[in-house]
Structure formats: structure tokens, C-alpha cells
Amino acid sequence: MIPLAAKTSPYSLVLGIEVLLAVLFATSLHFIMGPGGMHSFGHAAYFGLGAYGAALTVKFLSASMPVAGR
């Protein structure tokens, strides 16, 4: 469904991918903290480190955001 929406606008494909990543993050955190009853900050740490690394790549290497995210 998302690739079909990308034919109209490339932004919709990027937005769809970001939404699916957030859903995956939230679902995995739910399964650990809900039924498992464990508290995990590892998810947030890796999520934050990835965003921080991408931001530093954009800032110091003057790379575009798609290059920093890979």
C-alpha cells in the first residue's frame, strides 16, 4: 500500500517508513514491558544513539539526511 502511495508523492513513502519504524519500536517495547514485565531502556538508548549519530553526520560532514540515515 505504501509504495502505491509513493507514486503520488515521495514524501508519503518517507513518512510511511518513519511511521512503520515508530510502530515497530513501540510494539517491541510493549511486548517487553507489558507481558514480560521487564523495564528496558535499551530500546530508547539505541533509538537515541541512532538519531544522535545521524544528526552529527549531517552537522559535521555536511551530508544530506538520507546519507546520514544509512
PDB file of N, CA and C in Angstrom:
ATOM      1  N   MET A   1       0.818  -1.200   0.000  1.00  0.00           N
ATOM      2  CA  MET A   1       0.000   0.000   0.000  1.00  0.00           C
ATOM      3  C   MET A   1       0.867   1.272   0.000  1.00  0.00           C
ATOM      4  N   ILE A   2       1.932   1.271   0.784  1.00  0.00           N
ATOM      5  CA  ILE A   2       2.781   2.458   0.864  1.00  0.00           C
ATOM      6  C   ILE A   2       3.503   2.728  -0.451  1.00  0.00           C
ATOM      7  N   PRO A   3       4.056   1.707  -1.148  1.00  0.00           N
ATOM      8  CA  PRO A   3       4.695   2.022  -2.433  1.00  0.00           C
ATOM      9  C   PRO A   3       3.714   2.587  -3.456  1.00  0.00           C
ATOM     10  N   LEU A   4       2.457   2.196  -3.392  1.00  0.00           N
ATOM     11  CA  LEU A   4       1.473   2.769  -4.309  1.00  0.00           C
ATOM     12  C   LEU A   4       1.229   4.239  -3.998  1.00  0.00           C
ATOM     13  N   ALA A   5       1.259   4.595  -2.720  1.00  0.00           N
ATOM     14  CA  ALA A   5       1.069   5.994  -2.333  1.00  0.00           C
ATOM     15  C   ALA A   5       2.288   6.833  -2.716  1.00  0.00           C
ATOM     16  N   ALA A   6       3.449   6.207  -2.840  1.00  0.00           N
ATOM     17  CA  ALA A   6       4.665   6.946  -3.185  1.00  0.00           C
ATOM     18  C   ALA A   6       4.647   7.431  -4.623  1.00  0.00           C
ATOM     19  N   LYS A   7       3.794   6.850  -5.443  1.00  0.00           N
ATOM     20  CA  LYS A   7       3.722   7.310  -6.832  1.00  0.00           C
ATOM     21  C   LYS A   7       3.195   8.727  -6.913  1.00  0.00           C
ATOM     22  N   THR A   8       2.372   9.120  -5.940  1.00  0.00           N
ATOM     23  CA  THR A   8       1.844  10.469  -5.949  1.00  0.00           C
ATOM     24  C   THR A   8       2.821  11.463  -5.330  1.00  0.00           C
ATOM     25  N   SER A   9       3.517  11.033  -4.271  1.00  0.00           N
ATOM     26  CA  SER A   9       4.437  11.938  -3.590  1.00  0.00           C
ATOM     27  C   SER A   9       5.539  11.126  -2.921  1.00  0.00           C
ATOM     28  N   PRO A  10       6.802  11.470  -3.147  1.00  0.00           N
ATOM     29  CA  PRO A  10       7.879  10.745  -2.465  1.00  0.00           C
ATOM     30  C   PRO A  10       7.863  10.966  -0.952  1.00  0.00           C
ATOM     31  N   TYR A  11       7.306  12.089  -0.536  1.00  0.00           N
ATOM     32  CA  TYR A  11       7.221  12.369   0.905  1.00  0.00           C
ATOM     33  C   TYR A  11       6.352  11.337   1.610  1.00  0.00           C
ATOM     34  N   SER A  12       5.304  10.868   0.949  1.00  0.00           N
ATOM     35  CA  SER A  12       4.422   9.894   1.591  1.00  0.00           C
ATOM     36  C   SER A  12       5.153   8.576   1.845  1.00  0.00           C
ATOM     37  N   LEU A  13       6.087   8.196   0.985  1.00  0.00           N
ATOM     38  CA  LEU A  13       6.871   6.990   1.211  1.00  0.00           C
ATOM     39  C   LEU A  13       7.787   7.172   2.420  1.00  0.00           C
ATOM     40  N   VAL A  14       8.457   8.298   2.526  1.00  0.00           N
ATOM     41  CA  VAL A  14       9.339   8.566   3.658  1.00  0.00           C
ATOM     42  C   VAL A  14       8.537   8.615   4.952  1.00  0.00           C
ATOM     43  N   LEU A  15       7.411   9.274   4.920  1.00  0.00           N
ATOM     44  CA  LEU A  15       6.557   9.365   6.105  1.00  0.00           C
ATOM     45  C   LEU A  15       6.056   7.990   6.509  1.00  0.00           C
ATOM     46  N   GLY A  16       5.654   7.183   5.545  1.00  0.00           N
ATOM     47  CA  GLY A  16       5.172   5.835   5.842  1.00  0.00           C
ATOM     48  C   GLY A  16       6.247   4.971   6.476  1.00  0.00           C
ATOM     49  N   ILE A  17       7.481   5.075   5.985  1.00  0.00           N
ATOM     50  CA  ILE A  17       8.585   4.303   6.551  1.00  0.00           C
ATOM     51  C   ILE A  17       8.867   4.742   7.989  1.00  0.00           C
ATOM     52  N   GLU A  18       8.851   6.033   8.236  1.00  0.00           N
ATOM     53  CA  GLU A  18       9.098   6.527   9.589  1.00  0.00           C
ATOM     54  C   GLU A  18       7.989   6.101  10.547  1.00  0.00           C
ATOM     55  N   VAL A  19       6.759   6.109  10.084  1.00  0.00           N
ATOM     56  CA  VAL A  19       5.652   5.654  10.924  1.00  0.00           C
ATOM     57  C   VAL A  19       5.799   4.167  11.232  1.00  0.00           C
ATOM     58  N   LEU A  20       6.165   3.370  10.239  1.00  0.00           N
ATOM     59  CA  LEU A  20       6.339   1.941  10.473  1.00  0.00           C
ATOM     60  C   LEU A  20       7.499   1.660  11.425  1.00  0.00           C
ATOM     61  N   LEU A  21       8.566   2.436  11.362  1.00  0.00           N
ATOM     62  CA  LEU A  21       9.661   2.278  12.320  1.00  0.00           C
ATOM     63  C   LEU A  21       9.217   2.612  13.742  1.00  0.00           C
ATOM     64  N   ALA A  22       8.432   3.659  13.895  1.00  0.00           N
ATOM     65  CA  ALA A  22       7.926   4.012  15.219  1.00  0.00           C
ATOM     66  C   ALA A  22       6.978   2.934  15.748  1.00  0.00           C
ATOM     67  N   VAL A  23       6.171   2.350  14.856  1.00  0.00           N
ATOM     68  CA  VAL A  23       5.268   1.263  15.257  1.00  0.00           C
ATOM     69  C   VAL A  23       6.071   0.045  15.697  1.00  0.00           C
ATOM     70  N   LEU A  24       7.116  -0.290  14.965  1.00  0.00           N
ATOM     71  CA  LEU A  24       7.969  -1.417  15.328  1.00  0.00           C
ATOM     72  C   LEU A  24       8.627  -1.181  16.679  1.00  0.00           C
ATOM     73  N   PHE A  25       9.125   0.011  16.916  1.00  0.00           N
ATOM     74  CA  PHE A  25       9.731   0.370  18.197  1.00  0.00           C
ATOM     75  C   PHE A  25       8.722   0.242  19.331  1.00  0.00           C
ATOM     76  N   ALA A  26       7.530   0.788  19.139  1.00  0.00           N
ATOM     77  CA  ALA A  26       6.514   0.751  20.186  1.00  0.00           C
ATOM     78  C   ALA A  26       6.019  -0.667  20.450  1.00  0.00           C
ATOM     79  N   THR A  27       5.886  -1.471  19.400  1.00  0.00           N
ATOM     80  CA  THR A  27       5.420  -2.841  19.574  1.00  0.00           C
ATOM     81  C   THR A  27       6.432  -3.676  20.342  1.00  0.00           C
ATOM     82  N   SER A  28       7.703  -3.558  19.998  1.00  0.00           N
ATOM     83  CA  SER A  28       8.715  -4.338  20.708  1.00  0.00           C
ATOM     84  C   SER A  28       8.815  -3.901  22.167  1.00  0.00           C
ATOM     85  N   LEU A  29       8.699  -2.621  22.427  1.00  0.00           N
ATOM     86  CA  LEU A  29       8.728  -2.132  23.801  1.00  0.00           C
ATOM     87  C   LEU A  29       7.503  -2.613  24.573  1.00  0.00           C
ATOM     88  N   HIS A  30       6.360  -2.668  23.911  1.00  0.00           N
ATOM     89  CA  HIS A  30       5.136  -3.165  24.564  1.00  0.00           C
ATOM     90  C   HIS A  30       5.296  -4.620  24.982  1.00  0.00           C
ATOM     91  N   PHE A  31       5.849  -5.456  24.105  1.00  0.00           N
ATOM     92  CA  PHE A  31       5.986  -6.872  24.426  1.00  0.00           C
ATOM     93  C   PHE A  31       6.987  -7.106  25.554  1.00  0.00           C
ATOM     94  N   ILE A  32       8.002  -6.266  25.653  1.00  0.00           N
ATOM     95  CA  ILE A  32       8.956  -6.424  26.756  1.00  0.00           C
ATOM     96  C   ILE A  32       8.353  -5.928  28.065  1.00  0.00           C
ATOM     97  N   MET A  33       7.757  -4.734  28.039  1.00  0.00           N
ATOM     98  CA  MET A  33       7.279  -4.132  29.280  1.00  0.00           C
ATOM     99  C   MET A  33       5.896  -4.625  29.688  1.00  0.00           C
ATOM    100  N   GLY A  34       5.065  -5.021  28.730  1.00  0.00           N
ATOM    101  CA  GLY A  34       3.712  -5.466  29.052  1.00  0.00           C
ATOM    102  C   GLY A  34       3.685  -6.881  29.588  1.00  0.00           C
ATOM    103  N   PRO A  35       3.619  -7.879  28.706  1.00  0.00           N
ATOM    104  CA  PRO A  35       3.545  -9.265  29.168  1.00  0.00           C
ATOM    105  C   PRO A  35       4.802  -9.729  29.910  1.00  0.00           C
ATOM    106  N   GLY A  36       5.957  -9.235  29.510  1.00  0.00           N
ATOM    107  CA  GLY A  36       7.201  -9.661  30.145  1.00  0.00           C
ATOM    108  C   GLY A  36       7.424  -9.035  31.505  1.00  0.00           C
ATOM    109  N   GLY A  37       6.890  -7.842  31.712  1.00  0.00           N
ATOM    110  CA  GLY A  37       7.037  -7.150  32.986  1.00  0.00           C
ATOM    111  C   GLY A  37       8.440  -6.619  33.251  1.00  0.00           C
ATOM    112  N   MET A  38       9.267  -6.543  32.212  1.00  0.00           N
ATOM    113  CA  MET A  38      10.629  -6.060  32.410  1.00  0.00           C
ATOM    114  C   MET A  38      10.727  -4.600  31.968  1.00  0.00           C
ATOM    115  N   HIS A  39      11.564  -3.869  32.637  1.00  0.00           N
ATOM    116  CA  HIS A  39      11.817  -2.491  32.239  1.00  0.00           C
ATOM    117  C   HIS A  39      13.082  -2.468  31.410  1.00  0.00           C
ATOM    118  N   SER A  40      12.973  -1.905  30.220  1.00  0.00           N
ATOM    119  CA  SER A  40      14.125  -1.880  29.325  1.00  0.00           C
ATOM    120  C   SER A  40      14.322  -0.475  28.789  1.00  0.00           C
ATOM    121  N   PHE A  41      15.496   0.047  29.027  1.00  0.00           N
ATOM    122  CA  PHE A  41      15.833   1.345  28.462  1.00  0.00           C
ATOM    123  C   PHE A  41      16.787   1.185  27.282  1.00  0.00           C
ATOM    124  N   GLY A  42      17.111  -0.060  26.952  1.00  0.00           N
ATOM    125  CA  GLY A  42      17.984  -0.331  25.822  1.00  0.00           C
ATOM    126  C   GLY A  42      17.376   0.117  24.510  1.00  0.00           C
ATOM    127  N   HIS A  43      16.056  -0.060  24.362  1.00  0.00           N
ATOM    128  CA  HIS A  43      15.380   0.373  23.142  1.00  0.00           C
ATOM    129  C   HIS A  43      15.569   1.872  22.945  1.00  0.00           C
ATOM    130  N   ALA A  44      15.312   2.620  23.988  1.00  0.00           N
ATOM    131  CA  ALA A  44      15.422   4.075  23.887  1.00  0.00           C
ATOM    132  C   ALA A  44      16.865   4.499  23.654  1.00  0.00           C
ATOM    133  N   ALA A  45      17.806   3.784  24.253  1.00  0.00           N
ATOM    134  CA  ALA A  45      19.219   4.139  24.081  1.00  0.00           C
ATOM    135  C   ALA A  45      19.650   3.946  22.629  1.00  0.00           C
ATOM    136  N   TYR A  46      19.312   2.806  22.022  1.00  0.00           N
ATOM    137  CA  TYR A  46      19.693   2.573  20.628  1.00  0.00           C
ATOM    138  C   TYR A  46      18.962   3.526  19.684  1.00  0.00           C
ATOM    139  N   PHE A  47      17.695   3.789  19.972  1.00  0.00           N
ATOM    140  CA  PHE A  47      16.918   4.724  19.157  1.00  0.00           C
ATOM    141  C   PHE A  47      17.555   6.117  19.220  1.00  0.00           C
ATOM    142  N   GLY A  48      17.927   6.549  20.415  1.00  0.00           N
ATOM    143  CA  GLY A  48      18.539   7.859  20.601  1.00  0.00           C
ATOM    144  C   GLY A  48      19.939   7.944  20.008  1.00  0.00           C
ATOM    145  N   LEU A  49      20.728   6.872  20.162  1.00  0.00           N
ATOM    146  CA  LEU A  49      22.073   6.878  19.591  1.00  0.00           C
ATOM    147  C   LEU A  49      22.043   6.941  18.071  1.00  0.00           C
ATOM    148  N   GLY A  50      21.088   6.271  17.461  1.00  0.00           N
ATOM    149  CA  GLY A  50      20.957   6.339  16.014  1.00  0.00           C
ATOM    150  C   GLY A  50      20.601   7.742  15.541  1.00  0.00           C
ATOM    151  N   ALA A  51      19.678   8.374  16.235  1.00  0.00           N
ATOM    152  CA  ALA A  51      19.288   9.737  15.874  1.00  0.00           C
ATOM    153  C   ALA A  51      20.433  10.717  16.114  1.00  0.00           C
ATOM    154  N   TYR A  52      21.160  10.520  17.207  1.00  0.00           N
ATOM    155  CA  TYR A  52      22.289  11.403  17.519  1.00  0.00           C
ATOM    156  C   TYR A  52      23.403  11.242  16.482  1.00  0.00           C
ATOM    157  N   GLY A  53      23.671  10.010  16.099  1.00  0.00           N
ATOM    158  CA  GLY A  53      24.689   9.757  15.079  1.00  0.00           C
ATOM    159  C   GLY A  53      24.315  10.361  13.739  1.00  0.00           C
ATOM    160  N   ALA A  54      23.044  10.258  13.357  1.00  0.00           N
ATOM    161  CA  ALA A  54      22.593  10.852  12.106  1.00  0.00           C
ATOM    162  C   ALA A  54      22.714  12.376  12.156  1.00  0.00           C
ATOM    163  N   ALA A  55      22.378  12.963  13.299  1.00  0.00           N
ATOM    164  CA  ALA A  55      22.471  14.422  13.431  1.00  0.00           C
ATOM    165  C   ALA A  55      23.918  14.896  13.355  1.00  0.00           C
ATOM    166  N   LEU A  56      24.832  14.154  13.982  1.00  0.00           N
ATOM    167  CA  LEU A  56      26.246  14.539  13.914  1.00  0.00           C
ATOM    168  C   LEU A  56      26.798  14.395  12.505  1.00  0.00           C
ATOM    169  N   THR A  57      26.336  13.365  11.781  1.00  0.00           N
ATOM    170  CA  THR A  57      26.773  13.192  10.401  1.00  0.00           C
ATOM    171  C   THR A  57      26.324  14.356   9.538  1.00  0.00           C
ATOM    172  N   VAL A  58      25.098  14.791   9.738  1.00  0.00           N
ATOM    173  CA  VAL A  58      24.574  15.926   8.969  1.00  0.00           C
ATOM    174  C   VAL A  58      25.335  17.205   9.324  1.00  0.00           C
ATOM    175  N   LYS A  59      25.605  17.391  10.615  1.00  0.00           N
ATOM    176  CA  LYS A  59      26.229  18.635  11.054  1.00  0.00           C
ATOM    177  C   LYS A  59      27.708  18.728  10.649  1.00  0.00           C
ATOM    178  N   PHE A  60      28.483  17.712  10.953  1.00  0.00           N
ATOM    179  CA  PHE A  60      29.927  17.816  10.772  1.00  0.00           C
ATOM    180  C   PHE A  60      30.411  17.394   9.397  1.00  0.00           C
ATOM    181  N   LEU A  61      29.714  16.503   8.727  1.00  0.00           N
ATOM    182  CA  LEU A  61      30.147  16.058   7.406  1.00  0.00           C
ATOM    183  C   LEU A  61      29.357  16.716   6.281  1.00  0.00           C
ATOM    184  N   SER A  62      28.434  17.583   6.647  1.00  0.00           N
ATOM    185  CA  SER A  62      27.583  18.281   5.689  1.00  0.00           C
ATOM    186  C   SER A  62      26.903  17.316   4.723  1.00  0.00           C
ATOM    187  N   ALA A  63      26.503  16.177   5.239  1.00  0.00           N
ATOM    188  CA  ALA A  63      25.823  15.170   4.426  1.00  0.00           C
ATOM    189  C   ALA A  63      24.321  15.440   4.444  1.00  0.00           C
ATOM    190  N   SER A  64      23.647  14.936   3.428  1.00  0.00           N
ATOM    191  CA  SER A  64      22.197  15.065   3.425  1.00  0.00           C
ATOM    192  C   SER A  64      21.611  14.026   4.366  1.00  0.00           C
ATOM    193  N   MET A  65      20.385  14.196   4.783  1.00  0.00           N
ATOM    194  CA  MET A  65      19.775  13.309   5.759  1.00  0.00           C
ATOM    195  C   MET A  65      19.641  11.874   5.252  1.00  0.00           C
ATOM    196  N   PRO A  66      19.304  11.619   3.985  1.00  0.00           N
ATOM    197  CA  PRO A  66      19.256  10.206   3.546  1.00  0.00           C
ATOM    198  C   PRO A  66      20.614   9.511   3.641  1.00  0.00           C
ATOM    199  N   VAL A  67      21.710  10.246   3.429  1.00  0.00           N
ATOM    200  CA  VAL A  67      23.040   9.662   3.543  1.00  0.00           C
ATOM    201  C   VAL A  67      23.348   9.372   5.013  1.00  0.00           C
ATOM    202  N   ALA A  68      22.946  10.256   5.909  1.00  0.00           N
ATOM    203  CA  ALA A  68      23.226  10.077   7.336  1.00  0.00           C
ATOM    204  C   ALA A  68      22.442   8.920   7.924  1.00  0.00           C
ATOM    205  N   GLY A  69      21.275   8.642   7.375  1.00  0.00           N
ATOM    206  CA  GLY A  69      20.436   7.572   7.919  1.00  0.00           C
ATOM    207  C   GLY A  69      20.868   6.190   7.491  1.00  0.00           C
ATOM    208  N   ARG A  70      21.828   6.082   6.608  1.00  0.00           N
ATOM    209  CA  ARG A  70      22.249   4.746   6.133  1.00  0.00           C
ATOM    210  C   ARG A  70      23.477   4.266   6.819  1.00  0.00           C
TER     211      ARG A  70
END
